[in-house]
């Protein structure tokens, strides 16, 4: 009986390449599918991207709604653009959060040294 020697590294890299051809996986999913460590998958995909062997085909959003998580696809191509908020959108979002936090702290009674009318325009009518 002839014994066949297979190298695990070659098998996992081939599996990784097969998944990258499909192009719908982020690094976390690639690590889960191949059994490689997450950092190893990050290093492989970064090097493949650096040498032009793969490109970023899309972005997944993180918990805060930002385009942070890269989706790689094997082969040359142009990287997908990230969606970014304009400065005006960022400012409006921040002000809305600050206003809601102020209302929450006002109803919880945690505001100090300022009246409700001065801080957030809530409370008694002027």
N, C-alpha and C. Protein backbone atom coordinates (compact mmCIF):
# COMPACT_ATOMS: atom_id res chain seq x y z
N UNK A 1 0.83 -1.17 0.00
CA UNK A 1 0.00 0.00 0.00
C UNK A 1 0.89 1.25 0.00
N UNK A 2 0.64 2.11 -0.97
CA UNK A 2 1.44 3.32 -1.10
C UNK A 2 0.82 4.44 -0.26
N UNK A 3 1.65 5.09 0.47
CA UNK A 3 1.20 6.15 1.35
C UNK A 3 1.33 7.50 0.64
N UNK A 4 0.25 8.30 0.66
CA UNK A 4 0.26 9.62 0.04
C UNK A 4 0.49 10.67 1.12
N UNK A 5 1.46 11.50 0.89
CA UNK A 5 1.76 12.56 1.84
C UNK A 5 1.16 13.85 1.31
N UNK A 6 0.31 14.45 2.14
CA UNK A 6 -0.28 15.74 1.80
C UNK A 6 0.09 16.75 2.87
N UNK A 7 0.44 17.91 2.44
CA UNK A 7 0.80 18.96 3.39
C UNK A 7 -0.45 19.75 3.74
N UNK A 8 -0.68 19.90 5.03
CA UNK A 8 -1.87 20.59 5.53
C UNK A 8 -1.88 22.05 5.07
N UNK A 9 -0.73 22.70 5.07
CA UNK A 9 -0.67 24.09 4.66
C UNK A 9 -1.15 24.26 3.22
N UNK A 10 -0.74 23.37 2.34
CA UNK A 10 -1.16 23.46 0.94
C UNK A 10 -2.66 23.23 0.81
N UNK A 11 -3.20 22.32 1.59
CA UNK A 11 -4.64 22.04 1.54
C UNK A 11 -5.44 23.25 2.01
N UNK A 12 -5.05 23.85 3.13
CA UNK A 12 -5.79 24.99 3.65
C UNK A 12 -5.65 26.21 2.75
N UNK A 13 -4.47 26.39 2.15
CA UNK A 13 -4.31 27.51 1.22
C UNK A 13 -5.16 27.31 -0.03
N UNK A 14 -5.23 26.09 -0.52
CA UNK A 14 -6.07 25.80 -1.68
C UNK A 14 -7.54 26.05 -1.35
N UNK A 15 -7.95 25.67 -0.15
CA UNK A 15 -9.33 25.90 0.28
C UNK A 15 -9.60 27.41 0.37
N UNK A 16 -8.63 28.15 0.91
CA UNK A 16 -8.75 29.61 1.01
C UNK A 16 -8.88 30.22 -0.38
N UNK A 17 -8.08 29.78 -1.33
CA UNK A 17 -8.14 30.31 -2.69
C UNK A 17 -9.49 30.01 -3.35
N UNK A 18 -10.01 28.82 -3.11
CA UNK A 18 -11.31 28.46 -3.67
C UNK A 18 -12.40 29.38 -3.14
N UNK A 19 -12.35 29.69 -1.86
CA UNK A 19 -13.33 30.60 -1.27
C UNK A 19 -13.16 32.02 -1.78
N UNK A 20 -11.91 32.44 -1.99
CA UNK A 20 -11.66 33.78 -2.50
C UNK A 20 -12.15 33.95 -3.94
N UNK A 21 -12.16 32.87 -4.70
CA UNK A 21 -12.68 32.93 -6.07
C UNK A 21 -14.16 33.28 -6.04
N UNK A 22 -14.89 32.72 -5.07
CA UNK A 22 -16.31 33.04 -4.93
C UNK A 22 -16.49 34.52 -4.57
N UNK A 23 -15.63 35.04 -3.68
CA UNK A 23 -15.60 36.47 -3.38
C UNK A 23 -16.68 37.02 -2.50
N UNK A 24 -17.34 36.21 -1.71
CA UNK A 24 -18.39 36.72 -0.83
C UNK A 24 -18.08 36.51 0.63
N UNK A 25 -16.82 36.46 0.99
CA UNK A 25 -16.43 36.16 2.37
C UNK A 25 -15.54 37.25 2.93
N UNK A 26 -15.77 37.59 4.20
CA UNK A 26 -14.82 38.46 4.89
C UNK A 26 -13.80 37.57 5.59
N UNK A 27 -12.80 38.17 6.22
CA UNK A 27 -11.71 37.39 6.80
C UNK A 27 -12.18 36.48 7.93
N UNK A 28 -13.15 36.92 8.70
CA UNK A 28 -13.67 36.09 9.79
C UNK A 28 -14.32 34.82 9.23
N UNK A 29 -15.12 34.98 8.18
CA UNK A 29 -15.78 33.83 7.57
C UNK A 29 -14.76 32.90 6.89
N UNK A 30 -13.73 33.49 6.27
CA UNK A 30 -12.68 32.68 5.65
C UNK A 30 -11.96 31.85 6.71
N UNK A 31 -11.69 32.46 7.86
CA UNK A 31 -11.01 31.74 8.93
C UNK A 31 -11.88 30.58 9.44
N UNK A 32 -13.17 30.81 9.58
CA UNK A 32 -14.06 29.76 10.05
C UNK A 32 -14.16 28.62 9.03
N UNK A 33 -14.22 28.95 7.75
CA UNK A 33 -14.36 27.94 6.71
C UNK A 33 -13.10 27.10 6.52
N UNK A 34 -11.93 27.75 6.60
CA UNK A 34 -10.68 27.04 6.32
C UNK A 34 -10.08 26.39 7.55
N UNK A 35 -10.41 26.89 8.73
CA UNK A 35 -9.79 26.37 9.95
C UNK A 35 -8.49 27.09 10.29
N UNK A 36 -8.11 28.06 9.47
CA UNK A 36 -6.93 28.87 9.76
C UNK A 36 -7.26 29.89 10.83
N UNK A 37 -6.23 30.36 11.52
CA UNK A 37 -6.42 31.40 12.51
C UNK A 37 -6.78 32.70 11.80
N UNK A 38 -7.57 33.53 12.47
CA UNK A 38 -8.03 34.80 11.90
C UNK A 38 -6.86 35.68 11.46
N UNK A 39 -5.84 35.79 12.29
CA UNK A 39 -4.68 36.63 11.97
C UNK A 39 -3.94 36.08 10.74
N UNK A 40 -3.87 34.76 10.61
CA UNK A 40 -3.24 34.15 9.45
C UNK A 40 -3.99 34.51 8.17
N UNK A 41 -5.31 34.45 8.23
CA UNK A 41 -6.13 34.82 7.07
C UNK A 41 -5.94 36.29 6.75
N UNK A 42 -5.87 37.15 7.77
CA UNK A 42 -5.62 38.57 7.54
C UNK A 42 -4.29 38.78 6.82
N UNK A 43 -3.25 38.09 7.28
CA UNK A 43 -1.93 38.23 6.66
C UNK A 43 -1.95 37.75 5.21
N UNK A 44 -2.56 36.61 4.96
CA UNK A 44 -2.63 36.09 3.58
C UNK A 44 -3.37 37.05 2.67
N UNK A 45 -4.54 37.52 3.10
CA UNK A 45 -5.34 38.40 2.24
C UNK A 45 -4.66 39.74 2.02
N UNK A 46 -4.00 40.27 3.04
CA UNK A 46 -3.28 41.54 2.88
C UNK A 46 -2.15 41.40 1.87
N UNK A 47 -1.41 40.30 1.95
CA UNK A 47 -0.31 40.10 1.01
C UNK A 47 -0.83 39.85 -0.40
N UNK A 48 -1.88 39.07 -0.54
CA UNK A 48 -2.47 38.86 -1.86
C UNK A 48 -2.96 40.18 -2.45
N UNK A 49 -3.54 41.03 -1.61
CA UNK A 49 -4.02 42.33 -2.06
C UNK A 49 -2.86 43.24 -2.44
N UNK A 50 -1.82 43.20 -1.64
CA UNK A 50 -0.65 44.06 -1.89
C UNK A 50 0.00 43.73 -3.23
N UNK A 51 0.02 42.47 -3.61
CA UNK A 51 0.64 42.05 -4.86
C UNK A 51 -0.34 42.03 -6.03
N UNK A 52 -1.58 42.45 -5.80
CA UNK A 52 -2.55 42.55 -6.87
C UNK A 52 -3.21 41.23 -7.26
N UNK A 53 -3.07 40.21 -6.41
CA UNK A 53 -3.66 38.91 -6.71
C UNK A 53 -5.14 38.85 -6.32
N UNK A 54 -5.57 39.77 -5.46
CA UNK A 54 -6.99 39.85 -5.10
C UNK A 54 -7.36 41.31 -4.90
N UNK A 55 -8.64 41.58 -4.85
CA UNK A 55 -9.11 42.95 -4.65
C UNK A 55 -10.30 42.94 -3.68
N UNK A 56 -10.63 44.12 -3.19
CA UNK A 56 -11.75 44.27 -2.26
C UNK A 56 -13.01 44.42 -3.10
N UNK A 57 -13.88 43.43 -3.01
CA UNK A 57 -15.09 43.44 -3.85
C UNK A 57 -16.26 44.13 -3.17
N UNK A 58 -16.16 44.38 -1.88
CA UNK A 58 -17.24 45.05 -1.16
C UNK A 58 -16.87 45.29 0.29
N UNK A 59 -17.78 45.89 1.01
CA UNK A 59 -17.57 46.20 2.42
C UNK A 59 -18.79 45.78 3.22
N UNK A 60 -18.54 45.24 4.42
CA UNK A 60 -19.60 44.98 5.39
C UNK A 60 -19.55 46.07 6.44
N UNK A 61 -20.69 46.35 7.03
CA UNK A 61 -20.74 47.37 8.07
C UNK A 61 -20.51 46.74 9.44
N UNK A 62 -19.85 47.52 10.31
CA UNK A 62 -19.65 47.05 11.68
C UNK A 62 -20.87 47.43 12.51
N UNK A 63 -20.77 47.27 13.81
CA UNK A 63 -21.90 47.53 14.70
C UNK A 63 -22.34 48.99 14.71
N UNK A 64 -21.46 49.91 14.35
CA UNK A 64 -21.80 51.32 14.34
C UNK A 64 -22.22 51.82 12.96
N UNK A 65 -22.30 50.90 11.99
CA UNK A 65 -22.76 51.28 10.65
C UNK A 65 -21.67 51.79 9.72
N UNK A 66 -20.40 51.61 10.11
CA UNK A 66 -19.29 52.07 9.27
C UNK A 66 -18.81 50.94 8.36
N UNK A 67 -18.35 51.28 7.17
CA UNK A 67 -17.77 50.29 6.26
C UNK A 67 -16.35 49.99 6.73
N UNK A 68 -16.18 48.91 7.45
CA UNK A 68 -14.89 48.56 8.02
C UNK A 68 -14.43 47.19 7.55
N UNK A 69 -15.34 46.25 7.40
CA UNK A 69 -15.00 44.86 7.15
C UNK A 69 -14.88 44.61 5.65
N UNK A 70 -13.68 44.22 5.20
CA UNK A 70 -13.40 44.02 3.78
C UNK A 70 -13.88 42.65 3.31
N UNK A 71 -14.41 42.63 2.09
CA UNK A 71 -14.77 41.37 1.43
C UNK A 71 -13.84 41.24 0.23
N UNK A 72 -13.01 40.18 0.24
CA UNK A 72 -12.01 40.00 -0.80
C UNK A 72 -12.50 39.07 -1.90
N UNK A 73 -11.98 39.28 -3.11
CA UNK A 73 -12.24 38.40 -4.24
C UNK A 73 -10.93 38.17 -4.97
N UNK A 74 -10.66 36.94 -5.32
CA UNK A 74 -9.41 36.59 -6.00
C UNK A 74 -9.43 37.11 -7.42
N UNK A 75 -8.31 37.61 -7.86
CA UNK A 75 -8.17 38.12 -9.22
C UNK A 75 -7.97 39.63 -9.23
N UNK A 76 -7.43 40.14 -10.33
CA UNK A 76 -7.23 41.59 -10.41
C UNK A 76 -8.57 42.31 -10.54
N UNK A 77 -8.61 43.51 -10.08
CA UNK A 77 -9.83 44.31 -10.16
C UNK A 77 -9.66 45.58 -9.35
N UNK A 78 -10.63 46.45 -9.51
CA UNK A 78 -10.60 47.71 -8.78
C UNK A 78 -11.29 47.52 -7.43
N UNK A 79 -10.69 48.08 -6.39
CA UNK A 79 -11.27 47.97 -5.06
C UNK A 79 -12.58 48.75 -4.97
N UNK A 80 -13.53 48.18 -4.24
CA UNK A 80 -14.82 48.84 -4.02
C UNK A 80 -14.62 50.05 -3.12
N UNK A 81 -15.37 51.09 -3.37
CA UNK A 81 -15.28 52.31 -2.57
C UNK A 81 -16.06 52.16 -1.27
N UNK A 82 -15.53 52.81 -0.24
CA UNK A 82 -16.22 52.83 1.04
C UNK A 82 -17.22 53.98 1.05
N UNK A 83 -18.36 53.74 1.66
CA UNK A 83 -19.33 54.82 1.83
C UNK A 83 -18.95 55.59 3.09
N UNK A 84 -18.85 56.88 2.94
CA UNK A 84 -18.49 57.72 4.07
C UNK A 84 -19.57 58.76 4.31
N UNK A 85 -19.77 59.10 5.58
CA UNK A 85 -20.71 60.15 5.91
C UNK A 85 -20.07 61.51 5.64
N UNK A 86 -20.86 62.46 5.17
CA UNK A 86 -20.34 63.81 5.01
C UNK A 86 -20.20 64.44 6.39
N UNK A 87 -19.46 65.54 6.45
CA UNK A 87 -19.28 66.23 7.72
C UNK A 87 -20.62 66.71 8.28
N UNK A 88 -21.49 67.13 7.40
CA UNK A 88 -22.81 67.60 7.82
C UNK A 88 -23.61 66.46 8.44
N UNK A 89 -23.55 65.26 7.84
CA UNK A 89 -24.26 64.10 8.37
C UNK A 89 -23.69 63.68 9.72
N UNK A 90 -22.36 63.72 9.84
CA UNK A 90 -21.72 63.37 11.12
C UNK A 90 -22.15 64.33 12.22
N UNK A 91 -22.16 65.62 11.89
CA UNK A 91 -22.52 66.64 12.87
C UNK A 91 -23.98 66.49 13.30
N UNK A 92 -24.88 66.24 12.36
CA UNK A 92 -26.29 66.06 12.68
C UNK A 92 -26.50 64.83 13.55
N UNK A 93 -25.77 63.76 13.24
CA UNK A 93 -25.87 62.53 14.04
C UNK A 93 -25.38 62.76 15.46
N UNK A 94 -24.27 63.49 15.60
CA UNK A 94 -23.71 63.77 16.93
C UNK A 94 -24.66 64.64 17.74
N UNK A 95 -25.21 65.66 17.11
CA UNK A 95 -26.14 66.55 17.83
C UNK A 95 -27.39 65.81 18.26
N UNK A 96 -27.87 64.91 17.40
CA UNK A 96 -29.06 64.13 17.75
C UNK A 96 -28.78 63.24 18.96
N UNK A 97 -27.62 62.59 18.96
CA UNK A 97 -27.25 61.74 20.10
C UNK A 97 -27.12 62.56 21.38
N UNK A 98 -26.47 63.73 21.28
CA UNK A 98 -26.29 64.58 22.46
C UNK A 98 -27.64 65.04 22.99
N UNK A 99 -28.55 65.38 22.10
CA UNK A 99 -29.88 65.82 22.52
C UNK A 99 -30.62 64.70 23.24
N UNK A 100 -30.56 63.49 22.68
CA UNK A 100 -31.26 62.35 23.30
C UNK A 100 -30.63 61.98 24.64
N UNK A 101 -29.31 62.05 24.74
CA UNK A 101 -28.66 61.79 26.02
C UNK A 101 -29.05 62.83 27.06
N UNK A 102 -29.18 64.07 26.61
CA UNK A 102 -29.62 65.13 27.52
C UNK A 102 -31.04 64.89 28.02
N UNK A 103 -31.90 64.46 27.11
CA UNK A 103 -33.28 64.16 27.53
C UNK A 103 -33.32 63.00 28.51
N UNK A 104 -32.52 61.99 28.27
CA UNK A 104 -32.48 60.84 29.17
C UNK A 104 -31.98 61.25 30.54
N UNK A 105 -30.88 62.02 30.57
CA UNK A 105 -30.35 62.43 31.87
C UNK A 105 -31.30 63.41 32.57
N UNK A 106 -32.04 64.20 31.80
CA UNK A 106 -33.00 65.13 32.41
C UNK A 106 -34.14 64.37 33.07
N UNK A 107 -34.63 63.34 32.40
CA UNK A 107 -35.74 62.58 32.98
C UNK A 107 -35.26 61.68 34.11
N UNK A 108 -33.99 61.33 34.12
CA UNK A 108 -33.45 60.51 35.19
C UNK A 108 -33.03 61.36 36.38
N UNK A 109 -33.00 62.68 36.19
CA UNK A 109 -32.63 63.58 37.29
C UNK A 109 -31.14 63.63 37.52
N UNK A 110 -30.33 63.44 36.52
CA UNK A 110 -28.88 63.45 36.71
C UNK A 110 -28.22 64.73 36.21
N UNK A 111 -28.99 65.70 35.74
CA UNK A 111 -28.40 66.97 35.32
C UNK A 111 -27.99 67.75 36.55
N UNK A 112 -26.82 68.37 36.49
CA UNK A 112 -26.33 69.15 37.63
C UNK A 112 -25.97 70.56 37.16
N UNK A 113 -26.21 71.53 37.99
CA UNK A 113 -25.78 72.91 37.81
C UNK A 113 -26.38 73.62 36.60
N UNK A 114 -27.38 73.05 35.96
CA UNK A 114 -28.05 73.73 34.86
C UNK A 114 -29.52 73.38 34.90
N UNK A 115 -30.32 74.34 34.56
CA UNK A 115 -31.75 74.03 34.50
C UNK A 115 -32.06 73.32 33.20
N UNK A 116 -33.19 72.66 33.14
CA UNK A 116 -33.58 71.95 31.94
C UNK A 116 -33.76 72.90 30.76
N UNK A 117 -34.28 74.11 31.02
CA UNK A 117 -34.50 75.05 29.93
C UNK A 117 -33.18 75.49 29.33
N UNK A 118 -32.17 75.73 30.16
CA UNK A 118 -30.87 76.17 29.65
C UNK A 118 -30.18 75.06 28.87
N UNK A 119 -30.27 73.84 29.37
CA UNK A 119 -29.53 72.75 28.76
C UNK A 119 -30.15 72.27 27.46
N UNK A 120 -31.47 72.00 27.47
CA UNK A 120 -32.06 71.33 26.33
C UNK A 120 -33.39 71.91 25.88
N UNK A 121 -33.81 72.96 26.50
CA UNK A 121 -35.08 73.55 26.09
C UNK A 121 -36.28 72.70 26.44
N UNK A 122 -36.20 71.91 27.49
CA UNK A 122 -37.32 71.09 27.92
C UNK A 122 -37.75 71.53 29.31
N UNK A 123 -38.93 71.16 29.68
CA UNK A 123 -39.42 71.49 31.01
C UNK A 123 -40.51 72.54 30.94
N UNK A 124 -40.44 73.55 31.81
CA UNK A 124 -41.45 74.61 31.86
C UNK A 124 -41.42 75.47 30.61
N UNK A 125 -42.56 75.95 30.24
CA UNK A 125 -42.63 76.87 29.10
C UNK A 125 -42.09 78.22 29.53
N UNK A 126 -41.43 78.91 28.61
CA UNK A 126 -40.80 80.18 28.94
C UNK A 126 -41.78 81.32 28.95
